[in-house]
């Protein structure tokens, strides 16, 4: 029973209800396209169990329980389309967790899931002085 539960925790699910679509181009050579969905719902769920390690206005990265890094990216041609993220860096998520909600028209929006081969440094860290 433990083995079947472990397999369920490592399986990838579609993060949003919708139709399968062509994978958008990767933005870096470390990205491997896994799944792309044109959403019919505005609610985005976590595609697997893990921890949020990076968050930006149009993407987030999850460190899965199996140790893989998964990036969820929102591709949209419209600037008025935004996502209201309901999670923060450090949060633990599961497929039942709502990550955020999309606003604006859903036509032309693609939710893409990538596996990352490695994480790139985001820049230097500056400390505030008192």
C-alpha atoms as a PDB file:
ATOM      1  CA  UNK A   1       0.000   0.000   0.000  1.00  0.00           C
ATOM      2  CA  UNK A   2       2.854   2.423   0.721  1.00  0.00           C
ATOM      3  CA  UNK A   3       4.223   1.877  -2.801  1.00  0.00           C
ATOM      4  CA  UNK A   4       0.941   2.769  -4.540  1.00  0.00           C
ATOM      5  CA  UNK A   5       0.534   5.875  -2.373  1.00  0.00           C
ATOM      6  CA  UNK A   6       4.072   6.988  -3.247  1.00  0.00           C
ATOM      7  CA  UNK A   7       3.335   6.604  -6.974  1.00  0.00           C
ATOM      8  CA  UNK A   8       0.196   8.719  -6.622  1.00  0.00           C
ATOM      9  CA  UNK A   9       2.169  11.523  -4.924  1.00  0.00           C
ATOM     10  CA  UNK A  10       4.697  11.629  -7.769  1.00  0.00           C
ATOM     11  CA  UNK A  11       2.195  11.604 -10.643  1.00  0.00           C
ATOM     12  CA  UNK A  12       1.635  14.783 -12.628  1.00  0.00           C
ATOM     13  CA  UNK A  13      -1.907  16.075 -13.125  1.00  0.00           C
ATOM     14  CA  UNK A  14      -3.259  18.828 -15.368  1.00  0.00           C
ATOM     15  CA  UNK A  15      -3.141  22.069 -13.349  1.00  0.00           C
ATOM     16  CA  UNK A  16      -6.330  23.442 -14.894  1.00  0.00           C
ATOM     17  CA  UNK A  17      -9.467  22.164 -16.618  1.00  0.00           C
ATOM     18  CA  UNK A  18      -9.245  22.607 -20.363  1.00  0.00           C
ATOM     19  CA  UNK A  19      -8.091  21.130 -23.645  1.00  0.00           C
ATOM     20  CA  UNK A  20      -4.650  19.819 -24.530  1.00  0.00           C
ATOM     21  CA  UNK A  21      -2.766  22.180 -26.850  1.00  0.00           C
ATOM     22  CA  UNK A  22       0.629  22.530 -28.513  1.00  0.00           C
ATOM     23  CA  UNK A  23       3.560  23.090 -26.188  1.00  0.00           C
ATOM     24  CA  UNK A  24       4.883  26.696 -26.208  1.00  0.00           C
ATOM     25  CA  UNK A  25       8.569  27.157 -26.932  1.00  0.00           C
ATOM     26  CA  UNK A  26      10.863  26.713 -23.965  1.00  0.00           C
ATOM     27  CA  UNK A  27      12.570  29.888 -22.767  1.00  0.00           C
ATOM     28  CA  UNK A  28      15.777  28.117 -21.699  1.00  0.00           C
ATOM     29  CA  UNK A  29      17.626  24.924 -22.652  1.00  0.00           C
ATOM     30  CA  UNK A  30      17.042  23.562 -19.121  1.00  0.00           C
ATOM     31  CA  UNK A  31      13.263  23.318 -19.726  1.00  0.00           C
ATOM     32  CA  UNK A  32      11.676  20.110 -21.001  1.00  0.00           C
ATOM     33  CA  UNK A  33       8.048  20.503 -22.055  1.00  0.00           C
ATOM     34  CA  UNK A  34       5.654  18.114 -20.342  1.00  0.00           C
ATOM     35  CA  UNK A  35       2.080  19.372 -20.736  1.00  0.00           C
ATOM     36  CA  UNK A  36       0.192  22.359 -22.157  1.00  0.00           C
ATOM     37  CA  UNK A  37      -3.477  23.152 -21.576  1.00  0.00           C
ATOM     38  CA  UNK A  38      -5.759  25.876 -22.901  1.00  0.00           C
ATOM     39  CA  UNK A  39      -7.885  26.550 -19.802  1.00  0.00           C
ATOM     40  CA  UNK A  40     -11.666  26.521 -19.651  1.00  0.00           C
ATOM     41  CA  UNK A  41     -11.590  27.348 -15.939  1.00  0.00           C
ATOM     42  CA  UNK A  42      -9.922  30.225 -14.134  1.00  0.00           C
ATOM     43  CA  UNK A  43      -8.756  28.114 -11.178  1.00  0.00           C
ATOM     44  CA  UNK A  44      -5.188  26.768 -11.314  1.00  0.00           C
ATOM     45  CA  UNK A  45      -4.350  23.794  -9.066  1.00  0.00           C
ATOM     46  CA  UNK A  46      -0.977  22.307  -8.209  1.00  0.00           C
ATOM     47  CA  UNK A  47       0.007  19.614 -10.729  1.00  0.00           C
ATOM     48  CA  UNK A  48       1.742  17.472  -8.055  1.00  0.00           C
ATOM     49  CA  UNK A  49       2.876  17.346  -4.425  1.00  0.00           C
ATOM     50  CA  UNK A  50       5.800  19.561  -3.449  1.00  0.00           C
ATOM     51  CA  UNK A  51       6.998  22.941  -2.185  1.00  0.00           C
ATOM     52  CA  UNK A  52       6.874  26.330  -3.930  1.00  0.00           C
ATOM     53  CA  UNK A  53      10.475  27.515  -4.390  1.00  0.00           C
ATOM     54  CA  UNK A  54      10.042  30.363  -6.882  1.00  0.00           C
ATOM     55  CA  UNK A  55       7.174  32.695  -7.781  1.00  0.00           C
ATOM     56  CA  UNK A  56       6.801  35.418 -10.424  1.00  0.00           C
ATOM     57  CA  UNK A  57       3.757  37.138 -11.975  1.00  0.00           C
ATOM     58  CA  UNK A  58       3.570  34.586 -14.806  1.00  0.00           C
ATOM     59  CA  UNK A  59       5.199  31.428 -13.434  1.00  0.00           C
ATOM     60  CA  UNK A  60       6.094  29.382 -10.394  1.00  0.00           C
ATOM     61  CA  UNK A  61       8.485  26.525  -9.654  1.00  0.00           C
ATOM     62  CA  UNK A  62       7.647  23.531  -7.473  1.00  0.00           C
ATOM     63  CA  UNK A  63      10.231  21.194  -5.940  1.00  0.00           C
ATOM     64  CA  UNK A  64       8.326  17.899  -6.109  1.00  0.00           C
ATOM     65  CA  UNK A  65       8.503  15.231  -3.421  1.00  0.00           C
ATOM     66  CA  UNK A  66      10.517  13.099  -5.850  1.00  0.00           C
ATOM     67  CA  UNK A  67      13.144  15.864  -6.120  1.00  0.00           C
ATOM     68  CA  UNK A  68      12.237  17.112  -9.607  1.00  0.00           C
ATOM     69  CA  UNK A  69      11.757  20.801 -10.330  1.00  0.00           C
ATOM     70  CA  UNK A  70       8.515  21.592 -12.167  1.00  0.00           C
ATOM     71  CA  UNK A  71       7.772  25.018 -13.658  1.00  0.00           C
ATOM     72  CA  UNK A  72       4.210  26.111 -14.320  1.00  0.00           C
ATOM     73  CA  UNK A  73       4.127  29.011 -16.794  1.00  0.00           C
ATOM     74  CA  UNK A  74       1.214  31.147 -18.000  1.00  0.00           C
ATOM     75  CA  UNK A  75       1.579  32.191 -21.635  1.00  0.00           C
ATOM     76  CA  UNK A  76      -0.834  34.888 -22.790  1.00  0.00           C
ATOM     77  CA  UNK A  77      -0.798  37.469 -25.600  1.00  0.00           C
ATOM     78  CA  UNK A  78      -2.821  39.938 -23.514  1.00  0.00           C
ATOM     79  CA  UNK A  79      -1.348  42.170 -20.828  1.00  0.00           C
ATOM     80  CA  UNK A  80      -4.698  42.456 -19.022  1.00  0.00           C
ATOM     81  CA  UNK A  81      -4.622  38.727 -18.271  1.00  0.00           C
ATOM     82  CA  UNK A  82      -3.087  38.229 -14.861  1.00  0.00           C
ATOM     83  CA  UNK A  83      -2.961  35.527 -12.226  1.00  0.00           C
ATOM     84  CA  UNK A  84      -3.744  36.185  -8.597  1.00  0.00           C
ATOM     85  CA  UNK A  85      -1.413  33.711  -6.871  1.00  0.00           C
ATOM     86  CA  UNK A  86      -2.799  32.401  -3.586  1.00  0.00           C
ATOM     87  CA  UNK A  87       0.433  30.667  -2.540  1.00  0.00           C
ATOM     88  CA  UNK A  88       3.796  31.991  -1.447  1.00  0.00           C
ATOM     89  CA  UNK A  89       7.378  30.724  -1.584  1.00  0.00           C
ATOM     90  CA  UNK A  90       7.799  27.983   1.026  1.00  0.00           C
ATOM     91  CA  UNK A  91       4.188  26.752   0.883  1.00  0.00           C
ATOM     92  CA  UNK A  92       3.629  22.999   0.555  1.00  0.00           C
ATOM     93  CA  UNK A  93       1.110  22.111  -2.154  1.00  0.00           C
ATOM     94  CA  UNK A  94      -0.808  19.087  -3.421  1.00  0.00           C
ATOM     95  CA  UNK A  95      -3.126  18.587  -6.420  1.00  0.00           C
ATOM     96  CA  UNK A  96      -6.024  19.784  -4.236  1.00  0.00           C
ATOM     97  CA  UNK A  97      -4.259  23.098  -3.535  1.00  0.00           C
ATOM     98  CA  UNK A  98      -5.483  26.127  -5.464  1.00  0.00           C
ATOM     99  CA  UNK A  99      -2.369  27.955  -6.673  1.00  0.00           C
ATOM    100  CA  UNK A 100      -4.212  30.949  -8.080  1.00  0.00           C
ATOM    101  CA  UNK A 101      -6.962  32.262 -10.318  1.00  0.00           C
ATOM    102  CA  UNK A 102      -6.715  33.752 -13.790  1.00  0.00           C
ATOM    103  CA  UNK A 103      -8.407  37.040 -14.597  1.00  0.00           C
ATOM    104  CA  UNK A 104      -9.395  38.291 -18.029  1.00  0.00           C
ATOM    105  CA  UNK A 105     -10.404  36.382 -21.143  1.00  0.00           C
ATOM    106  CA  UNK A 106      -9.187  32.791 -21.355  1.00  0.00           C
ATOM    107  CA  UNK A 107      -8.923  32.644 -25.166  1.00  0.00           C
ATOM    108  CA  UNK A 108      -5.273  32.598 -26.206  1.00  0.00           C
ATOM    109  CA  UNK A 109      -4.056  31.652 -22.699  1.00  0.00           C
ATOM    110  CA  UNK A 110      -1.901  28.529 -22.320  1.00  0.00           C
ATOM    111  CA  UNK A 111      -0.837  26.951 -19.045  1.00  0.00           C
ATOM    112  CA  UNK A 112       2.410  25.071 -19.704  1.00  0.00           C
ATOM    113  CA  UNK A 113       4.211  22.647 -17.390  1.00  0.00           C
ATOM    114  CA  UNK A 114       7.963  22.114 -17.793  1.00  0.00           C
ATOM    115  CA  UNK A 115      10.455  19.880 -16.040  1.00  0.00           C
ATOM    116  CA  UNK A 116      13.628  21.797 -15.209  1.00  0.00           C
ATOM    117  CA  UNK A 117      16.986  20.060 -15.486  1.00  0.00           C
ATOM    118  CA  UNK A 118      18.551  22.557 -13.091  1.00  0.00           C
ATOM    119  CA  UNK A 119      17.680  25.773 -11.313  1.00  0.00           C
ATOM    120  CA  UNK A 120      19.489  28.924 -12.327  1.00  0.00           C
ATOM    121  CA  UNK A 121      20.512  31.529  -9.768  1.00  0.00           C
ATOM    122  CA  UNK A 122      18.183  34.522  -9.829  1.00  0.00           C
ATOM    123  CA  UNK A 123      20.824  37.112  -8.994  1.00  0.00           C
ATOM    124  CA  UNK A 124      22.579  38.493  -5.994  1.00  0.00           C
ATOM    125  CA  UNK A 125      21.046  38.857  -2.571  1.00  0.00           C
ATOM    126  CA  UNK A 126      21.266  42.232  -0.848  1.00  0.00           C
ATOM    127  CA  UNK A 127      20.862  42.704   2.872  1.00  0.00           C
ATOM    128  CA  UNK A 128      19.138  45.726   4.320  1.00  0.00           C
ATOM    129  CA  UNK A 129      21.100  47.594   6.966  1.00  0.00           C
ATOM    130  CA  UNK A 130      19.450  48.967  10.084  1.00  0.00           C
END
